N, C-alpha and C. Protein backbone atom coordinates (compact mmCIF):
# COMPACT_ATOMS: atom_id res chain seq x y z
N MET A 1 0.84 -1.20 0.00
CA MET A 1 0.00 0.00 0.00
C MET A 1 0.88 1.25 0.00
N ALA A 2 0.43 2.29 -0.70
CA ALA A 2 1.19 3.54 -0.73
C ALA A 2 1.09 4.21 0.63
N THR A 3 2.24 4.60 1.16
CA THR A 3 2.28 5.24 2.48
C THR A 3 3.12 6.50 2.40
N SER A 4 2.59 7.57 2.96
CA SER A 4 3.30 8.84 3.04
C SER A 4 3.73 9.09 4.48
N ALA A 5 4.77 9.89 4.64
CA ALA A 5 5.22 10.29 5.97
C ALA A 5 4.80 11.73 6.22
N LEU A 6 4.28 11.97 7.41
CA LEU A 6 3.95 13.33 7.83
C LEU A 6 4.80 13.62 9.06
N LEU A 7 5.88 14.37 8.85
CA LEU A 7 6.77 14.74 9.94
C LEU A 7 6.30 16.07 10.51
N LEU A 8 6.02 16.06 11.78
CA LEU A 8 5.34 17.19 12.40
C LEU A 8 6.33 18.08 13.16
N SER A 9 6.54 19.29 12.64
CA SER A 9 7.47 20.22 13.26
C SER A 9 6.92 21.64 13.17
N GLY A 10 5.65 21.79 13.56
CA GLY A 10 4.99 23.07 13.37
C GLY A 10 4.92 23.96 14.58
N GLY A 11 5.41 23.49 15.75
CA GLY A 11 5.28 24.28 16.97
C GLY A 11 6.39 25.30 17.16
N ASP A 12 6.30 26.04 18.26
CA ASP A 12 7.30 27.07 18.54
C ASP A 12 8.35 26.62 19.55
N SER A 13 8.28 25.35 19.98
CA SER A 13 9.26 24.78 20.92
C SER A 13 9.38 25.60 22.20
N SER A 14 8.25 26.07 22.71
CA SER A 14 8.29 26.94 23.89
C SER A 14 8.88 26.24 25.10
N ARG A 15 8.58 24.95 25.28
CA ARG A 15 9.12 24.23 26.43
C ARG A 15 10.57 23.81 26.22
N PHE A 16 11.08 24.11 25.03
CA PHE A 16 12.47 23.83 24.72
C PHE A 16 13.27 25.13 24.69
N GLY A 17 12.70 26.15 25.31
CA GLY A 17 13.38 27.44 25.36
C GLY A 17 13.36 28.20 24.05
N GLY A 18 12.47 27.79 23.13
CA GLY A 18 12.36 28.46 21.85
C GLY A 18 13.31 27.93 20.79
N TYR A 19 14.24 27.05 21.16
CA TYR A 19 15.14 26.44 20.17
C TYR A 19 14.38 25.34 19.43
N PRO A 20 14.43 25.32 18.11
CA PRO A 20 13.65 24.32 17.36
C PRO A 20 14.06 22.90 17.73
N LYS A 21 13.12 22.12 18.24
CA LYS A 21 13.42 20.73 18.57
C LYS A 21 13.86 19.95 17.34
N ALA A 22 13.40 20.36 16.18
CA ALA A 22 13.77 19.68 14.95
C ALA A 22 15.28 19.68 14.71
N LEU A 23 15.99 20.63 15.31
CA LEU A 23 17.41 20.80 15.02
C LEU A 23 18.32 20.18 16.06
N VAL A 24 17.77 19.48 17.05
CA VAL A 24 18.63 18.82 18.04
C VAL A 24 19.53 17.81 17.33
N SER A 25 20.68 17.56 17.92
CA SER A 25 21.63 16.64 17.32
C SER A 25 21.22 15.19 17.51
N THR A 26 21.30 14.43 16.44
CA THR A 26 21.18 12.97 16.52
C THR A 26 22.42 12.40 15.85
N GLY A 27 23.55 12.65 16.49
CA GLY A 27 24.82 12.25 15.91
C GLY A 27 25.32 13.29 14.94
N GLU A 28 25.52 12.89 13.68
CA GLU A 28 26.07 13.80 12.69
C GLU A 28 25.00 14.59 11.93
N ARG A 29 23.76 14.46 12.32
CA ARG A 29 22.69 15.16 11.61
C ARG A 29 21.63 15.61 12.61
N SER A 30 20.83 16.55 12.17
CA SER A 30 19.76 17.04 13.04
C SER A 30 18.65 16.00 13.14
N GLY A 31 17.82 16.14 14.16
CA GLY A 31 16.73 15.20 14.35
C GLY A 31 15.80 15.13 13.16
N VAL A 32 15.39 16.28 12.64
CA VAL A 32 14.43 16.27 11.53
C VAL A 32 15.06 15.68 10.27
N ARG A 33 16.35 15.91 10.07
CA ARG A 33 17.00 15.32 8.89
C ARG A 33 17.09 13.80 9.05
N ARG A 34 17.43 13.35 10.25
CA ARG A 34 17.48 11.90 10.48
C ARG A 34 16.11 11.27 10.20
N MET A 35 15.05 11.88 10.71
CA MET A 35 13.71 11.36 10.51
C MET A 35 13.35 11.30 9.02
N ALA A 36 13.67 12.38 8.30
CA ALA A 36 13.35 12.43 6.88
C ALA A 36 14.13 11.36 6.12
N GLU A 37 15.40 11.17 6.46
CA GLU A 37 16.22 10.17 5.77
C GLU A 37 15.72 8.76 6.07
N VAL A 38 15.34 8.50 7.31
CA VAL A 38 14.79 7.19 7.65
C VAL A 38 13.49 6.94 6.87
N ALA A 39 12.62 7.94 6.82
CA ALA A 39 11.36 7.79 6.10
C ALA A 39 11.61 7.51 4.62
N LEU A 40 12.57 8.21 4.03
CA LEU A 40 12.88 7.99 2.62
C LEU A 40 13.48 6.60 2.40
N GLU A 41 14.35 6.19 3.32
CA GLU A 41 14.95 4.86 3.21
C GLU A 41 13.90 3.76 3.30
N GLU A 42 12.83 4.01 4.05
CA GLU A 42 11.76 3.02 4.20
C GLU A 42 10.75 3.08 3.06
N GLY A 43 10.99 3.95 2.08
CA GLY A 43 10.15 4.00 0.89
C GLY A 43 8.88 4.81 1.03
N LEU A 44 8.77 5.65 2.06
CA LEU A 44 7.58 6.47 2.21
C LEU A 44 7.62 7.63 1.22
N ASP A 45 6.46 7.91 0.62
CA ASP A 45 6.42 8.91 -0.44
C ASP A 45 5.00 9.45 -0.60
N PRO A 46 4.83 10.78 -0.57
CA PRO A 46 5.86 11.76 -0.29
C PRO A 46 6.20 11.84 1.19
N VAL A 47 7.33 12.48 1.49
CA VAL A 47 7.68 12.81 2.87
C VAL A 47 7.37 14.29 3.06
N VAL A 48 6.34 14.55 3.85
CA VAL A 48 5.85 15.91 4.08
C VAL A 48 6.30 16.38 5.46
N VAL A 49 6.93 17.53 5.51
CA VAL A 49 7.38 18.10 6.77
C VAL A 49 6.57 19.37 7.04
N VAL A 50 5.79 19.34 8.10
CA VAL A 50 4.96 20.50 8.45
C VAL A 50 5.79 21.44 9.32
N VAL A 51 5.82 22.70 8.94
CA VAL A 51 6.62 23.69 9.66
C VAL A 51 5.76 24.87 10.08
N GLY A 52 6.22 25.55 11.12
CA GLY A 52 5.54 26.74 11.62
C GLY A 52 6.50 27.90 11.69
N PRO A 53 6.72 28.46 12.88
CA PRO A 53 7.56 29.65 13.00
C PRO A 53 9.05 29.41 12.74
N HIS A 54 9.49 28.15 12.72
CA HIS A 54 10.91 27.86 12.50
C HIS A 54 11.18 27.33 11.10
N ARG A 55 10.41 27.76 10.15
CA ARG A 55 10.53 27.20 8.79
C ARG A 55 11.95 27.30 8.23
N ARG A 56 12.54 28.48 8.30
CA ARG A 56 13.82 28.69 7.60
C ARG A 56 14.92 27.75 8.08
N PRO A 57 15.20 27.66 9.38
CA PRO A 57 16.28 26.74 9.79
C PRO A 57 15.97 25.28 9.52
N ILE A 58 14.68 24.91 9.57
CA ILE A 58 14.32 23.53 9.26
C ILE A 58 14.52 23.26 7.77
N GLU A 59 14.14 24.22 6.95
CA GLU A 59 14.36 24.08 5.51
C GLU A 59 15.84 23.91 5.21
N ASP A 60 16.69 24.70 5.88
CA ASP A 60 18.14 24.58 5.68
C ASP A 60 18.64 23.20 6.09
N ALA A 61 18.09 22.66 7.19
CA ALA A 61 18.53 21.36 7.69
C ALA A 61 18.17 20.22 6.74
N LEU A 62 17.17 20.44 5.89
CA LEU A 62 16.68 19.39 4.99
C LEU A 62 17.16 19.55 3.55
N LYS A 63 18.06 20.48 3.31
CA LYS A 63 18.53 20.73 1.95
C LYS A 63 19.07 19.46 1.31
N GLY A 64 18.69 19.27 0.04
CA GLY A 64 19.18 18.13 -0.71
C GLY A 64 18.32 16.89 -0.60
N LEU A 65 17.32 16.91 0.28
CA LEU A 65 16.44 15.74 0.44
C LEU A 65 15.14 15.94 -0.33
N ASP A 66 14.59 14.85 -0.82
CA ASP A 66 13.35 14.90 -1.59
C ASP A 66 12.16 14.91 -0.62
N VAL A 67 11.96 16.06 0.01
CA VAL A 67 10.85 16.23 0.95
C VAL A 67 10.07 17.48 0.56
N GLU A 68 8.84 17.53 1.05
CA GLU A 68 7.98 18.68 0.79
C GLU A 68 7.68 19.40 2.09
N LEU A 69 7.98 20.70 2.14
CA LEU A 69 7.66 21.49 3.33
C LEU A 69 6.27 22.11 3.17
N VAL A 70 5.48 22.02 4.23
CA VAL A 70 4.13 22.59 4.24
C VAL A 70 4.02 23.53 5.42
N ASP A 71 3.59 24.75 5.17
CA ASP A 71 3.41 25.72 6.25
C ASP A 71 2.10 25.47 6.98
N SER A 72 2.18 25.46 8.30
CA SER A 72 0.98 25.39 9.13
C SER A 72 0.66 26.80 9.60
N GLU A 73 -0.22 27.47 8.88
CA GLU A 73 -0.52 28.85 9.20
C GLU A 73 -1.22 28.99 10.55
N ASP A 74 -1.90 27.94 10.97
CA ASP A 74 -2.63 27.98 12.24
C ASP A 74 -1.93 27.14 13.31
N TRP A 75 -0.61 27.06 13.26
CA TRP A 75 0.14 26.21 14.19
C TRP A 75 -0.16 26.52 15.65
N TYR A 76 -0.46 27.78 15.93
CA TYR A 76 -0.72 28.21 17.32
C TYR A 76 -2.00 27.60 17.87
N GLU A 77 -2.86 27.08 16.99
CA GLU A 77 -4.09 26.44 17.45
C GLU A 77 -3.82 25.10 18.14
N GLY A 78 -2.68 24.50 17.80
CA GLY A 78 -2.35 23.20 18.39
C GLY A 78 -1.89 22.22 17.34
N ARG A 79 -1.49 21.04 17.82
CA ARG A 79 -0.91 20.02 16.94
C ARG A 79 -1.88 19.59 15.84
N THR A 80 -3.16 19.51 16.16
CA THR A 80 -4.12 19.04 15.15
C THR A 80 -4.15 19.96 13.94
N ALA A 81 -4.02 21.25 14.15
CA ALA A 81 -4.01 22.19 13.03
C ALA A 81 -2.84 21.89 12.09
N SER A 82 -1.69 21.57 12.66
CA SER A 82 -0.52 21.26 11.84
C SER A 82 -0.69 19.92 11.12
N VAL A 83 -1.28 18.94 11.81
CA VAL A 83 -1.53 17.65 11.16
C VAL A 83 -2.48 17.83 9.97
N GLN A 84 -3.52 18.62 10.15
CA GLN A 84 -4.48 18.84 9.08
C GLN A 84 -3.82 19.52 7.88
N ALA A 85 -2.92 20.47 8.14
CA ALA A 85 -2.21 21.13 7.05
C ALA A 85 -1.38 20.12 6.26
N GLY A 86 -0.72 19.21 6.98
CA GLY A 86 0.08 18.21 6.30
C GLY A 86 -0.75 17.20 5.52
N LEU A 87 -1.88 16.79 6.09
CA LEU A 87 -2.73 15.81 5.41
C LEU A 87 -3.23 16.33 4.07
N ARG A 88 -3.48 17.61 3.99
CA ARG A 88 -3.99 18.18 2.74
C ARG A 88 -2.96 18.13 1.62
N ALA A 89 -1.69 17.91 1.97
CA ALA A 89 -0.64 17.82 0.96
C ALA A 89 -0.33 16.38 0.57
N ILE A 90 -1.03 15.42 1.17
CA ILE A 90 -0.78 14.01 0.93
C ILE A 90 -1.88 13.43 0.04
N PRO A 91 -1.53 12.63 -0.95
CA PRO A 91 -2.56 12.04 -1.83
C PRO A 91 -3.64 11.32 -1.01
N PRO A 92 -4.91 11.54 -1.33
CA PRO A 92 -6.02 10.98 -0.54
C PRO A 92 -6.00 9.48 -0.37
N ALA A 93 -5.46 8.76 -1.34
CA ALA A 93 -5.49 7.30 -1.26
C ALA A 93 -4.35 6.73 -0.41
N HIS A 94 -3.44 7.57 0.03
CA HIS A 94 -2.28 7.09 0.76
C HIS A 94 -2.57 6.88 2.25
N ASP A 95 -1.96 5.85 2.81
CA ASP A 95 -1.91 5.74 4.26
C ASP A 95 -0.86 6.73 4.77
N VAL A 96 -0.90 7.01 6.07
CA VAL A 96 -0.05 8.07 6.62
C VAL A 96 0.68 7.60 7.86
N LEU A 97 2.00 7.81 7.86
CA LEU A 97 2.79 7.64 9.07
C LEU A 97 2.95 9.01 9.70
N LEU A 98 2.34 9.20 10.87
CA LEU A 98 2.45 10.48 11.58
C LEU A 98 3.60 10.39 12.57
N TRP A 99 4.60 11.23 12.37
CA TRP A 99 5.84 11.15 13.15
C TRP A 99 6.19 12.53 13.69
N PRO A 100 5.87 12.83 14.94
CA PRO A 100 6.22 14.13 15.53
C PRO A 100 7.73 14.26 15.73
N VAL A 101 8.23 15.47 15.57
CA VAL A 101 9.66 15.71 15.69
C VAL A 101 10.15 15.53 17.13
N ASP A 102 9.21 15.41 18.06
CA ASP A 102 9.57 15.16 19.46
C ASP A 102 10.16 13.77 19.66
N HIS A 103 10.09 12.91 18.66
CA HIS A 103 10.56 11.51 18.77
C HIS A 103 11.59 11.22 17.67
N PRO A 104 12.77 11.82 17.72
CA PRO A 104 13.72 11.68 16.62
C PRO A 104 14.58 10.42 16.66
N PHE A 105 14.43 9.59 17.72
CA PHE A 105 15.32 8.44 17.89
C PHE A 105 14.66 7.10 17.55
N VAL A 106 13.61 7.13 16.76
CA VAL A 106 12.89 5.91 16.37
C VAL A 106 13.70 5.15 15.31
N ASP A 107 13.72 3.84 15.44
CA ASP A 107 14.42 2.98 14.48
C ASP A 107 13.58 2.76 13.22
N GLY A 108 14.27 2.63 12.10
CA GLY A 108 13.57 2.31 10.86
C GLY A 108 12.82 0.99 10.94
N ARG A 109 13.33 0.06 11.72
CA ARG A 109 12.67 -1.24 11.88
C ARG A 109 11.26 -1.08 12.42
N THR A 110 11.04 -0.08 13.27
CA THR A 110 9.70 0.15 13.82
C THR A 110 8.72 0.51 12.72
N ILE A 111 9.16 1.31 11.76
CA ILE A 111 8.29 1.68 10.64
C ILE A 111 7.96 0.45 9.81
N GLU A 112 8.94 -0.43 9.64
CA GLU A 112 8.69 -1.67 8.90
C GLU A 112 7.65 -2.53 9.61
N LEU A 113 7.74 -2.62 10.93
CA LEU A 113 6.80 -3.45 11.69
C LEU A 113 5.39 -2.87 11.66
N LEU A 114 5.28 -1.56 11.72
CA LEU A 114 3.96 -0.94 11.62
C LEU A 114 3.35 -1.21 10.25
N GLY A 115 4.17 -1.12 9.20
CA GLY A 115 3.67 -1.40 7.86
C GLY A 115 3.26 -2.85 7.70
N ALA A 116 4.03 -3.76 8.28
CA ALA A 116 3.69 -5.18 8.19
C ALA A 116 2.39 -5.48 8.92
N ALA A 117 2.19 -4.83 10.08
CA ALA A 117 0.94 -5.01 10.83
C ALA A 117 -0.24 -4.50 10.02
N ARG A 118 -0.06 -3.36 9.40
CA ARG A 118 -1.12 -2.80 8.55
C ARG A 118 -1.44 -3.73 7.38
N ASP A 119 -0.41 -4.24 6.73
CA ASP A 119 -0.61 -5.08 5.55
C ASP A 119 -1.33 -6.38 5.87
N SER A 120 -1.19 -6.87 7.09
CA SER A 120 -1.78 -8.16 7.46
C SER A 120 -3.11 -8.03 8.20
N ASP A 121 -3.62 -6.80 8.31
CA ASP A 121 -4.81 -6.57 9.13
C ASP A 121 -5.83 -5.76 8.33
N GLU A 122 -6.84 -6.44 7.83
CA GLU A 122 -7.83 -5.75 6.99
C GLU A 122 -8.74 -4.83 7.79
N LEU A 123 -8.97 -5.13 9.06
CA LEU A 123 -9.92 -4.36 9.85
C LEU A 123 -9.29 -3.20 10.62
N GLY A 124 -8.01 -3.32 10.98
CA GLY A 124 -7.35 -2.27 11.74
C GLY A 124 -7.21 -0.99 10.94
N LEU A 125 -7.32 0.15 11.62
CA LEU A 125 -7.19 1.45 10.96
C LEU A 125 -6.06 2.30 11.54
N TRP A 126 -5.76 2.10 12.80
CA TRP A 126 -4.82 2.99 13.51
C TRP A 126 -3.84 2.09 14.25
N PHE A 127 -2.54 2.20 13.89
CA PHE A 127 -1.54 1.28 14.43
C PHE A 127 -0.55 2.05 15.29
N ILE A 128 -0.47 1.64 16.56
CA ILE A 128 0.33 2.35 17.55
C ILE A 128 1.46 1.43 18.02
N PRO A 129 2.72 1.88 17.95
CA PRO A 129 3.79 1.04 18.46
C PRO A 129 3.82 1.04 19.99
N THR A 130 4.18 -0.09 20.56
CA THR A 130 4.31 -0.17 22.02
C THR A 130 5.66 -0.78 22.36
N TYR A 131 6.23 -0.30 23.45
CA TYR A 131 7.47 -0.85 23.97
C TYR A 131 7.26 -1.18 25.44
N ARG A 132 7.34 -2.45 25.76
CA ARG A 132 7.10 -2.94 27.12
C ARG A 132 5.76 -2.44 27.67
N GLY A 133 4.76 -2.48 26.79
CA GLY A 133 3.40 -2.15 27.19
C GLY A 133 3.04 -0.68 27.12
N GLU A 134 4.00 0.20 26.80
CA GLU A 134 3.71 1.63 26.72
C GLU A 134 3.61 2.06 25.26
N SER A 135 2.61 2.88 24.98
CA SER A 135 2.38 3.35 23.61
C SER A 135 3.24 4.56 23.29
N GLY A 136 3.65 4.66 22.02
CA GLY A 136 4.48 5.79 21.62
C GLY A 136 4.21 6.25 20.20
N HIS A 137 5.22 6.83 19.58
CA HIS A 137 5.15 7.37 18.21
C HIS A 137 6.34 6.85 17.41
N PRO A 138 6.16 6.83 16.07
CA PRO A 138 5.07 7.32 15.23
C PRO A 138 3.90 6.35 15.17
N VAL A 139 2.77 6.85 14.66
CA VAL A 139 1.61 5.99 14.45
C VAL A 139 1.32 5.91 12.95
N LEU A 140 0.70 4.81 12.56
CA LEU A 140 0.35 4.62 11.15
C LEU A 140 -1.17 4.58 11.01
N TRP A 141 -1.68 5.42 10.13
CA TRP A 141 -3.12 5.47 9.87
C TRP A 141 -3.41 4.95 8.47
N LYS A 142 -4.44 4.14 8.34
CA LYS A 142 -4.96 3.86 7.00
C LYS A 142 -5.70 5.11 6.52
N ASN A 143 -5.82 5.22 5.20
CA ASN A 143 -6.35 6.47 4.63
C ASN A 143 -7.78 6.77 5.09
N ARG A 144 -8.49 5.78 5.58
CA ARG A 144 -9.87 6.03 6.04
C ARG A 144 -9.91 6.90 7.29
N VAL A 145 -8.80 7.00 8.01
CA VAL A 145 -8.76 7.85 9.21
C VAL A 145 -8.67 9.33 8.82
N ARG A 146 -8.16 9.58 7.63
CA ARG A 146 -7.89 10.95 7.18
C ARG A 146 -9.10 11.88 7.33
N SER A 147 -10.26 11.46 6.84
CA SER A 147 -11.44 12.33 6.88
C SER A 147 -11.84 12.66 8.32
N GLU A 148 -11.67 11.70 9.22
CA GLU A 148 -12.03 11.94 10.62
C GLU A 148 -11.11 12.96 11.25
N VAL A 149 -9.83 12.91 10.91
CA VAL A 149 -8.88 13.89 11.44
C VAL A 149 -9.16 15.28 10.88
N LEU A 150 -9.48 15.34 9.61
CA LEU A 150 -9.75 16.64 8.98
C LEU A 150 -11.03 17.28 9.51
N GLU A 151 -11.92 16.48 10.06
CA GLU A 151 -13.17 17.02 10.58
C GLU A 151 -13.04 17.56 12.02
N LEU A 152 -11.93 17.27 12.67
CA LEU A 152 -11.73 17.77 14.04
C LEU A 152 -11.54 19.28 14.06
N ARG A 153 -11.87 19.90 15.18
CA ARG A 153 -11.50 21.29 15.37
C ARG A 153 -9.98 21.38 15.44
N PRO A 154 -9.38 22.48 14.94
CA PRO A 154 -7.92 22.58 14.96
C PRO A 154 -7.30 22.50 16.35
N ASP A 155 -8.09 22.82 17.38
CA ASP A 155 -7.56 22.79 18.74
C ASP A 155 -7.97 21.52 19.50
N ALA A 156 -8.62 20.58 18.81
CA ALA A 156 -9.06 19.34 19.46
C ALA A 156 -7.95 18.30 19.40
N PRO A 157 -7.79 17.50 20.45
CA PRO A 157 -6.74 16.48 20.43
C PRO A 157 -7.11 15.33 19.49
N ILE A 158 -6.16 14.89 18.70
CA ILE A 158 -6.40 13.80 17.76
C ILE A 158 -6.72 12.51 18.51
N ARG A 159 -6.14 12.33 19.68
CA ARG A 159 -6.37 11.09 20.44
C ARG A 159 -7.84 10.91 20.83
N ALA A 160 -8.63 11.99 20.71
CA ALA A 160 -10.05 11.87 21.00
C ALA A 160 -10.74 10.91 20.05
N LEU A 161 -10.12 10.62 18.91
CA LEU A 161 -10.72 9.70 17.95
C LEU A 161 -10.53 8.24 18.36
N ILE A 162 -9.56 7.97 19.21
CA ILE A 162 -9.23 6.58 19.54
C ILE A 162 -10.43 5.82 20.14
N PRO A 163 -11.14 6.39 21.13
CA PRO A 163 -12.30 5.65 21.65
C PRO A 163 -13.36 5.38 20.60
N GLU A 164 -13.52 6.31 19.64
CA GLU A 164 -14.53 6.12 18.61
C GLU A 164 -14.16 4.94 17.69
N LEU A 165 -12.88 4.76 17.44
CA LEU A 165 -12.46 3.67 16.55
C LEU A 165 -12.41 2.33 17.26
N GLY A 166 -12.30 2.38 18.59
CA GLY A 166 -12.39 1.17 19.40
C GLY A 166 -11.46 0.06 18.95
N PRO A 167 -12.01 -1.11 18.59
CA PRO A 167 -11.18 -2.27 18.25
C PRO A 167 -10.40 -2.10 16.95
N GLN A 168 -10.68 -1.05 16.20
CA GLN A 168 -9.90 -0.83 14.97
C GLN A 168 -8.57 -0.15 15.25
N VAL A 169 -8.32 0.19 16.51
CA VAL A 169 -7.02 0.69 16.95
C VAL A 169 -6.18 -0.51 17.37
N ARG A 170 -5.07 -0.71 16.73
CA ARG A 170 -4.20 -1.85 17.01
C ARG A 170 -2.92 -1.38 17.67
N ARG A 171 -2.40 -2.19 18.56
CA ARG A 171 -1.11 -1.91 19.18
C ARG A 171 -0.09 -2.93 18.71
N VAL A 172 1.06 -2.43 18.32
CA VAL A 172 2.09 -3.26 17.69
C VAL A 172 3.34 -3.24 18.57
N ALA A 173 3.70 -4.38 19.12
CA ALA A 173 4.86 -4.47 19.99
C ALA A 173 6.15 -4.34 19.18
N VAL A 174 7.05 -3.47 19.64
CA VAL A 174 8.34 -3.27 18.98
C VAL A 174 9.44 -3.25 20.05
N GLU A 175 10.65 -3.55 19.63
CA GLU A 175 11.80 -3.48 20.54
C GLU A 175 12.55 -2.18 20.27
N ASP A 176 11.89 -1.07 20.56
CA ASP A 176 12.44 0.25 20.22
C ASP A 176 12.09 1.26 21.29
N PRO A 177 12.98 1.51 22.26
CA PRO A 177 12.71 2.52 23.29
C PRO A 177 12.53 3.92 22.72
N GLY A 178 13.02 4.12 21.48
CA GLY A 178 12.91 5.44 20.86
C GLY A 178 11.48 5.91 20.68
N ILE A 179 10.52 4.98 20.62
CA ILE A 179 9.13 5.40 20.43
C ILE A 179 8.60 6.13 21.66
N LEU A 180 9.25 5.94 22.81
CA LEU A 180 8.81 6.58 24.05
C LEU A 180 9.64 7.82 24.38
N ALA A 181 10.73 8.04 23.66
CA ALA A 181 11.66 9.12 23.99
C ALA A 181 11.15 10.45 23.48
N ASN A 182 10.29 11.08 24.28
CA ASN A 182 9.67 12.36 23.93
C ASN A 182 10.56 13.50 24.41
N ILE A 183 11.18 14.23 23.48
CA ILE A 183 12.12 15.29 23.86
C ILE A 183 11.39 16.62 24.02
N ASP A 184 10.51 16.68 24.98
CA ASP A 184 9.71 17.88 25.19
C ASP A 184 10.49 18.99 25.86
N THR A 185 11.54 18.63 26.60
CA THR A 185 12.37 19.61 27.30
C THR A 185 13.84 19.29 27.04
N PRO A 186 14.75 20.25 27.26
CA PRO A 186 16.18 19.97 27.07
C PRO A 186 16.66 18.79 27.91
N GLU A 187 16.16 18.65 29.14
CA GLU A 187 16.59 17.54 29.98
C GLU A 187 16.12 16.21 29.40
N GLN A 188 14.89 16.15 28.91
CA GLN A 188 14.41 14.92 28.29
C GLN A 188 15.23 14.58 27.05
N TYR A 189 15.62 15.60 26.30
CA TYR A 189 16.46 15.36 25.12
C TYR A 189 17.80 14.76 25.53
N ARG A 190 18.45 15.33 26.54
CA ARG A 190 19.76 14.81 26.95
C ARG A 190 19.66 13.36 27.39
N GLN A 191 18.61 13.03 28.14
CA GLN A 191 18.43 11.65 28.58
C GLN A 191 18.19 10.71 27.40
N ALA A 192 17.34 11.15 26.46
CA ALA A 192 17.03 10.32 25.29
C ALA A 192 18.26 10.14 24.40
N TYR A 193 19.02 11.20 24.24
CA TYR A 193 20.22 11.13 23.39
C TYR A 193 21.25 10.19 23.99
N ASP A 194 21.48 10.29 25.29
CA ASP A 194 22.44 9.41 25.96
C ASP A 194 22.00 7.95 25.85
N ALA A 195 20.71 7.70 26.03
CA ALA A 195 20.19 6.33 25.93
C ALA A 195 20.33 5.80 24.51
N TRP A 196 20.10 6.63 23.54
CA TRP A 196 20.22 6.24 22.12
C TRP A 196 21.67 5.91 21.79
N LEU A 197 22.61 6.74 22.26
CA LEU A 197 24.02 6.47 22.02
C LEU A 197 24.43 5.14 22.66
N ALA A 198 23.94 4.89 23.86
CA ALA A 198 24.28 3.65 24.55
C ALA A 198 23.77 2.43 23.78
N ARG A 199 22.57 2.53 23.20
CA ARG A 199 22.03 1.41 22.41
C ARG A 199 22.88 1.17 21.17
N ARG A 200 23.35 2.23 20.56
CA ARG A 200 24.16 2.09 19.35
C ARG A 200 25.51 1.44 19.64
N GLU A 201 26.01 1.64 20.86
CA GLU A 201 27.33 1.10 21.21
C GLU A 201 27.25 -0.37 21.63
N ASP A 202 26.02 -0.84 21.96
CA ASP A 202 25.87 -2.25 22.41
C ASP A 202 26.10 -3.21 21.23
């Protein structure tokens, strides 16, 4: 099935001191560049990066990659507004991998497992990775979820749809702590980065 990536980087990073979370280091490249390269390596197309007030430095970080930047004019309304802006740039028939920039340490293998779960499950619509019983990101939506997300208010949480979908929400076990590594603050980033480096050295 055709799958697109929606990389979400439309906020102002207020809890990160205003520094764009997309630009944190993940080794030799920024977080958003690593995410885009992983998505491209996994065959996702198009790779859409939603941007807000930090468009210019994010655009610079992605130079040379076959990605599409989409401005979220209503980014201040909340994450859903940015997701909706990105969805409108994705072909309607495509499934969508929603990957917030707050989770830059996810393994490519996790994306493969989400895709495999989707391919083998005719009834499931929303696929959430779990690590040791905890749910994380990115999530994979079949294209039928798209209309429901677009109908939400821009300030409404997307997770409000989960109870409505009920058993069509599937959880996919992965061996990837990166799905839980939410770099919402500089301290969380330092902890996640150190843990990621340690995994790479094992």
